[in-house]
Amino acid sequence: MLYYMPQAWVSDNTDAASRVYIQHATSLLYPPIMQCAHVSEVPNHQMGRSEVEY
């Protein structure tokens, strides 16, 4: 994949707490430098999360 495009979106999920897990799992196969992401404002419109939950 990196041969054809040096950066890629790993998910359309913009929830910051979810992105941590998504990008960590992706970094096991691909270098973190190739991961692009948007993080949305709080409350998150996809997950409905209004604060950080761990």
C-alpha atoms as a PDB file:
ATOM      1  CA  MET A   1       0.000   0.000   0.000  1.00  0.00           C
ATOM      2  CA  LEU A   2       2.784   2.452   0.862  1.00  0.00           C
ATOM      3  CA  TYR A   3       4.256   1.982  -2.614  1.00  0.00           C
ATOM      4  CA  TYR A   4       1.165   3.577  -4.197  1.00  0.00           C
ATOM      5  CA  MET A   5       0.314   6.171  -1.555  1.00  0.00           C
ATOM      6  CA  PRO A   6       2.579   7.333   1.279  1.00  0.00           C
ATOM      7  CA  GLN A   7      -0.344   8.337   3.518  1.00  0.00           C
ATOM      8  CA  ALA A   8      -3.758   6.825   4.134  1.00  0.00           C
ATOM      9  CA  TRP A   9      -6.873   7.379   6.231  1.00  0.00           C
ATOM     10  CA  VAL A  10      -7.106   4.452   8.618  1.00  0.00           C
ATOM     11  CA  SER A  11     -10.696   5.167   9.685  1.00  0.00           C
ATOM     12  CA  ASP A  12     -13.533   7.655   9.254  1.00  0.00           C
ATOM     13  CA  ASN A  13     -14.166   7.627  13.000  1.00  0.00           C
ATOM     14  CA  THR A  14     -13.274  11.086  14.385  1.00  0.00           C
ATOM     15  CA  ASP A  15     -13.802  10.395  18.086  1.00  0.00           C
ATOM     16  CA  ALA A  16     -10.480  11.129  19.802  1.00  0.00           C
ATOM     17  CA  ALA A  17     -10.723   8.278  22.331  1.00  0.00           C
ATOM     18  CA  SER A  18     -11.549   5.764  19.594  1.00  0.00           C
ATOM     19  CA  ARG A  19      -8.726   7.054  17.382  1.00  0.00           C
ATOM     20  CA  VAL A  20      -6.138   6.110  20.011  1.00  0.00           C
ATOM     21  CA  TYR A  21      -7.068   2.433  19.733  1.00  0.00           C
ATOM     22  CA  ILE A  22      -7.488   2.505  15.948  1.00  0.00           C
ATOM     23  CA  GLN A  23      -4.149   4.160  15.294  1.00  0.00           C
ATOM     24  CA  HIS A  24      -2.338   1.970  17.828  1.00  0.00           C
ATOM     25  CA  ALA A  25      -3.593  -1.186  16.120  1.00  0.00           C
ATOM     26  CA  THR A  26      -2.700   0.185  12.678  1.00  0.00           C
ATOM     27  CA  SER A  27       0.809   1.043  13.868  1.00  0.00           C
ATOM     28  CA  LEU A  28       1.460  -2.669  14.449  1.00  0.00           C
ATOM     29  CA  LEU A  29       1.439  -3.140  10.636  1.00  0.00           C
ATOM     30  CA  TYR A  30       2.213   0.299   9.206  1.00  0.00           C
ATOM     31  CA  PRO A  31       4.490   3.121  10.364  1.00  0.00           C
ATOM     32  CA  PRO A  32       2.676   5.891  12.290  1.00  0.00           C
ATOM     33  CA  ILE A  33       3.942   8.536   9.841  1.00  0.00           C
ATOM     34  CA  MET A  34       1.597   7.209   7.157  1.00  0.00           C
ATOM     35  CA  GLN A  35      -1.574   7.553   9.255  1.00  0.00           C
ATOM     36  CA  CYS A  36      -3.825  10.542   8.556  1.00  0.00           C
ATOM     37  CA  ALA A  37      -6.725  11.480  10.813  1.00  0.00           C
ATOM     38  CA  HIS A  38      -9.268  14.116  11.759  1.00  0.00           C
ATOM     39  CA  VAL A  39     -10.358  14.540  15.347  1.00  0.00           C
ATOM     40  CA  SER A  40     -13.722  16.214  15.924  1.00  0.00           C
ATOM     41  CA  GLU A  41     -14.950  18.525  18.629  1.00  0.00           C
ATOM     42  CA  VAL A  42     -16.703  17.503  21.830  1.00  0.00           C
ATOM     43  CA  PRO A  43     -19.437  16.317  21.951  1.00  0.00           C
ATOM     44  CA  ASN A  44     -18.552  13.926  19.185  1.00  0.00           C
ATOM     45  CA  HIS A  45     -21.236  13.715  16.506  1.00  0.00           C
ATOM     46  CA  GLN A  46     -20.571  10.030  15.739  1.00  0.00           C
ATOM     47  CA  MET A  47     -20.232   8.479  19.175  1.00  0.00           C
ATOM     48  CA  GLY A  48     -22.119  11.027  21.269  1.00  0.00           C
ATOM     49  CA  ARG A  49     -19.217  11.083  23.723  1.00  0.00           C
ATOM     50  CA  SER A  50     -19.133  14.339  25.691  1.00  0.00           C
ATOM     51  CA  GLU A  51     -15.983  13.701  27.745  1.00  0.00           C
ATOM     52  CA  VAL A  52     -12.971  11.430  27.724  1.00  0.00           C
ATOM     53  CA  GLU A  53     -13.754   7.939  28.981  1.00  0.00           C
ATOM     54  CA  TYR A  54     -10.987   5.411  29.530  1.00  0.00           C
END
